N, C-alpha and C. Protein backbone atom coordinates (compact mmCIF):
# COMPACT_ATOMS: atom_id res chain seq x y z
N MET A 1 100.90 100.27 67.00
CA MET A 1 101.94 99.72 67.86
C MET A 1 103.27 99.81 67.10
N THR A 2 104.27 100.27 67.80
CA THR A 2 105.62 100.36 67.25
C THR A 2 106.47 99.29 67.90
N SER A 3 107.25 98.58 67.09
CA SER A 3 108.15 97.57 67.61
C SER A 3 109.56 97.89 67.11
N VAL A 4 110.49 97.99 68.04
CA VAL A 4 111.87 98.33 67.70
C VAL A 4 112.83 97.38 68.40
N THR A 5 114.06 97.33 67.89
CA THR A 5 115.10 96.55 68.55
C THR A 5 115.74 97.40 69.64
N VAL A 6 116.55 96.78 70.46
CA VAL A 6 117.22 97.50 71.54
C VAL A 6 118.14 98.58 70.95
N GLN A 7 118.84 98.26 69.88
CA GLN A 7 119.74 99.22 69.27
C GLN A 7 118.95 100.42 68.73
N GLU A 8 117.81 100.18 68.09
CA GLU A 8 116.98 101.28 67.60
C GLU A 8 116.45 102.12 68.76
N ALA A 9 116.07 101.45 69.84
CA ALA A 9 115.54 102.17 71.01
C ALA A 9 116.60 103.08 71.61
N GLN A 10 117.86 102.64 71.59
CA GLN A 10 118.93 103.48 72.14
C GLN A 10 119.10 104.76 71.33
N THR A 11 118.95 104.68 70.03
CA THR A 11 119.16 105.86 69.19
C THR A 11 117.91 106.73 69.09
N GLN A 12 116.72 106.16 69.33
CA GLN A 12 115.47 106.89 69.15
C GLN A 12 114.68 107.04 70.45
N LEU A 13 115.34 106.98 71.58
CA LEU A 13 114.64 106.94 72.85
C LEU A 13 113.70 108.12 73.06
N ALA A 14 114.15 109.33 72.78
CA ALA A 14 113.31 110.52 73.00
C ALA A 14 112.03 110.42 72.17
N GLN A 15 112.15 110.01 70.93
CA GLN A 15 110.99 109.88 70.05
C GLN A 15 110.04 108.78 70.56
N LEU A 16 110.60 107.68 71.01
CA LEU A 16 109.77 106.58 71.51
C LEU A 16 109.04 106.97 72.79
N ILE A 17 109.69 107.75 73.63
CA ILE A 17 109.04 108.23 74.86
C ILE A 17 107.86 109.12 74.51
N GLU A 18 108.02 109.99 73.53
CA GLU A 18 106.92 110.85 73.10
C GLU A 18 105.76 110.02 72.56
N GLN A 19 106.06 108.99 71.78
CA GLN A 19 105.01 108.13 71.24
C GLN A 19 104.25 107.43 72.37
N ALA A 20 104.98 106.90 73.34
CA ALA A 20 104.35 106.20 74.46
C ALA A 20 103.51 107.17 75.29
N ALA A 21 104.02 108.39 75.49
CA ALA A 21 103.27 109.38 76.24
C ALA A 21 101.99 109.77 75.52
N GLY A 22 101.99 109.68 74.20
CA GLY A 22 100.81 109.98 73.41
C GLY A 22 99.81 108.84 73.35
N GLY A 23 100.12 107.73 74.01
CA GLY A 23 99.19 106.61 74.08
C GLY A 23 99.50 105.46 73.15
N GLU A 24 100.56 105.59 72.35
CA GLU A 24 100.92 104.51 71.44
C GLU A 24 101.73 103.45 72.18
N GLU A 25 101.47 102.19 71.88
CA GLU A 25 102.21 101.11 72.51
C GLU A 25 103.54 100.94 71.80
N VAL A 26 104.63 100.90 72.57
CA VAL A 26 105.97 100.73 72.01
C VAL A 26 106.56 99.47 72.61
N ILE A 27 106.96 98.55 71.73
CA ILE A 27 107.57 97.28 72.16
C ILE A 27 109.05 97.33 71.81
N ILE A 28 109.90 97.02 72.79
CA ILE A 28 111.34 96.93 72.58
C ILE A 28 111.71 95.46 72.66
N ALA A 29 112.23 94.93 71.55
CA ALA A 29 112.49 93.49 71.48
C ALA A 29 113.95 93.24 71.16
N SER A 30 114.44 92.11 71.62
CA SER A 30 115.77 91.64 71.24
C SER A 30 115.71 90.14 71.12
N ASP A 31 116.69 89.56 70.46
CA ASP A 31 116.70 88.11 70.24
C ASP A 31 116.92 87.34 71.53
N SER A 32 117.69 87.91 72.46
CA SER A 32 118.09 87.16 73.65
C SER A 32 117.29 87.50 74.90
N ALA A 33 116.41 88.49 74.84
CA ALA A 33 115.69 88.90 76.04
C ALA A 33 114.19 88.93 75.79
N THR A 34 113.44 88.96 76.86
CA THR A 34 112.00 89.07 76.79
C THR A 34 111.62 90.45 76.28
N PRO A 35 110.66 90.56 75.38
CA PRO A 35 110.25 91.89 74.90
C PRO A 35 109.72 92.75 76.04
N MET A 36 109.94 94.04 75.94
CA MET A 36 109.50 95.00 76.95
C MET A 36 108.51 95.98 76.33
N ARG A 37 107.59 96.47 77.14
CA ARG A 37 106.61 97.45 76.70
C ARG A 37 106.93 98.79 77.35
N LEU A 38 107.03 99.81 76.54
CA LEU A 38 107.29 101.16 77.03
C LEU A 38 105.95 101.86 77.20
N THR A 39 105.60 102.19 78.45
CA THR A 39 104.33 102.84 78.75
C THR A 39 104.55 103.93 79.78
N PRO A 40 103.73 104.96 79.78
CA PRO A 40 103.87 105.99 80.80
C PRO A 40 103.34 105.50 82.14
N VAL A 41 103.92 106.02 83.21
CA VAL A 41 103.46 105.70 84.56
C VAL A 41 102.21 106.54 84.82
N ALA A 42 101.21 105.93 85.42
CA ALA A 42 99.96 106.66 85.70
C ALA A 42 100.23 107.82 86.64
N ARG A 43 99.63 108.93 86.34
CA ARG A 43 99.79 110.11 87.20
C ARG A 43 98.84 109.99 88.39
N GLY A 44 99.19 110.65 89.46
CA GLY A 44 98.33 110.67 90.63
C GLY A 44 98.24 109.32 91.31
N PHE A 45 99.34 108.90 91.90
CA PHE A 45 99.34 107.64 92.64
C PHE A 45 98.26 107.69 93.72
N PRO A 46 97.63 106.56 94.02
CA PRO A 46 96.62 106.58 95.07
C PRO A 46 97.25 106.97 96.40
N LYS A 47 96.54 107.77 97.15
CA LYS A 47 97.05 108.21 98.45
C LYS A 47 96.92 107.08 99.47
N ARG A 48 97.92 106.98 100.33
CA ARG A 48 97.90 105.97 101.38
C ARG A 48 97.00 106.45 102.50
N ARG A 49 96.17 105.57 102.99
CA ARG A 49 95.27 105.92 104.09
C ARG A 49 95.87 105.43 105.39
N LEU A 50 96.25 106.35 106.25
CA LEU A 50 96.79 105.98 107.55
C LEU A 50 95.64 105.64 108.49
N GLY A 51 95.87 104.68 109.34
CA GLY A 51 94.86 104.30 110.31
C GLY A 51 93.77 103.41 109.74
N LEU A 52 94.03 102.79 108.61
CA LEU A 52 93.04 101.96 107.94
C LEU A 52 92.58 100.79 108.82
N LEU A 53 93.48 100.23 109.61
CA LEU A 53 93.15 99.07 110.45
C LEU A 53 92.97 99.45 111.92
N GLU A 54 92.68 100.71 112.18
CA GLU A 54 92.52 101.15 113.56
C GLU A 54 91.38 100.38 114.22
N GLY A 55 91.67 99.83 115.39
CA GLY A 55 90.68 99.09 116.14
C GLY A 55 90.60 97.61 115.78
N VAL A 56 91.27 97.19 114.72
CA VAL A 56 91.24 95.79 114.31
C VAL A 56 92.20 94.96 115.15
N TYR A 57 93.37 95.53 115.44
CA TYR A 57 94.39 94.82 116.22
C TYR A 57 94.66 95.60 117.49
N THR A 58 95.07 94.86 118.52
CA THR A 58 95.47 95.52 119.75
C THR A 58 96.98 95.39 119.91
N VAL A 59 97.61 96.44 120.34
CA VAL A 59 99.06 96.46 120.53
C VAL A 59 99.32 96.26 122.02
N PRO A 60 100.13 95.26 122.38
CA PRO A 60 100.40 95.03 123.80
C PRO A 60 101.19 96.18 124.42
N ASP A 61 101.03 96.35 125.73
CA ASP A 61 101.72 97.43 126.44
C ASP A 61 103.23 97.25 126.42
N ASP A 62 103.71 95.99 126.36
CA ASP A 62 105.15 95.74 126.40
C ASP A 62 105.72 95.56 124.99
N ILE A 63 105.25 96.35 124.04
CA ILE A 63 105.70 96.21 122.66
C ILE A 63 107.19 96.48 122.51
N ASP A 64 107.76 97.32 123.37
CA ASP A 64 109.19 97.63 123.28
C ASP A 64 110.06 96.51 123.85
N THR A 65 109.50 95.68 124.71
CA THR A 65 110.29 94.60 125.33
C THR A 65 109.52 93.29 125.29
N PRO A 66 109.18 92.79 124.10
CA PRO A 66 108.45 91.53 124.05
C PRO A 66 109.31 90.37 124.54
N PHE A 67 108.70 89.46 125.22
CA PHE A 67 109.35 88.25 125.72
C PHE A 67 110.48 88.53 126.70
N GLU A 68 110.43 89.67 127.36
CA GLU A 68 111.50 90.02 128.29
C GLU A 68 111.64 88.97 129.39
N LYS A 69 110.53 88.54 129.97
CA LYS A 69 110.58 87.54 131.05
C LYS A 69 111.15 86.23 130.55
N GLU A 70 110.72 85.79 129.36
CA GLU A 70 111.20 84.53 128.81
C GLU A 70 112.69 84.57 128.52
N ILE A 71 113.18 85.70 128.03
CA ILE A 71 114.61 85.83 127.73
C ILE A 71 115.42 85.83 129.02
N GLU A 72 114.94 86.52 130.05
CA GLU A 72 115.64 86.51 131.34
C GLU A 72 115.72 85.09 131.89
N GLU A 73 114.64 84.34 131.77
CA GLU A 73 114.64 82.97 132.26
C GLU A 73 115.62 82.10 131.49
N MET A 74 115.80 82.36 130.20
CA MET A 74 116.74 81.58 129.41
C MET A 74 118.18 81.82 129.89
N PHE A 75 118.50 83.04 130.27
CA PHE A 75 119.86 83.36 130.69
C PHE A 75 120.12 83.11 132.17
N HIS A 76 119.12 83.40 133.01
CA HIS A 76 119.34 83.34 134.45
C HIS A 76 118.56 82.23 135.13
N GLY A 77 117.75 81.52 134.42
CA GLY A 77 116.95 80.48 135.03
C GLY A 77 115.65 81.04 135.59
N ASP A 78 114.77 80.16 135.98
CA ASP A 78 113.48 80.57 136.52
C ASP A 78 113.66 81.02 137.96
N ALA A 79 113.31 82.25 138.28
CA ALA A 79 113.48 82.80 139.61
C ALA A 79 112.59 82.11 140.63
N ASP A 80 111.45 81.57 140.21
CA ASP A 80 110.54 80.91 141.12
C ASP A 80 111.05 79.55 141.59
N SER A 81 111.90 78.90 140.78
CA SER A 81 112.35 77.55 141.12
C SER A 81 113.56 77.56 142.04
N GLU A 82 114.16 78.70 142.31
CA GLU A 82 115.35 78.75 143.18
C GLU A 82 115.00 78.89 144.62
């Protein structure tokens, strides 16, 4: 494990990236901040599965205009009561 200060990390960034890519843990520490760990991002992000919840939920037919009747009643009153 390599531990460096922020100032050292600024001057040696390329070298530290190579070390982290090679599997070595690199810690960047400073007196005023929480220490950070330099690690490579995992390759091959998991693929998103579309349609995972197909059939679990039902989508209403009026999805584009939900509560249309209720909103009309709020502005114009109930048509049945007139």
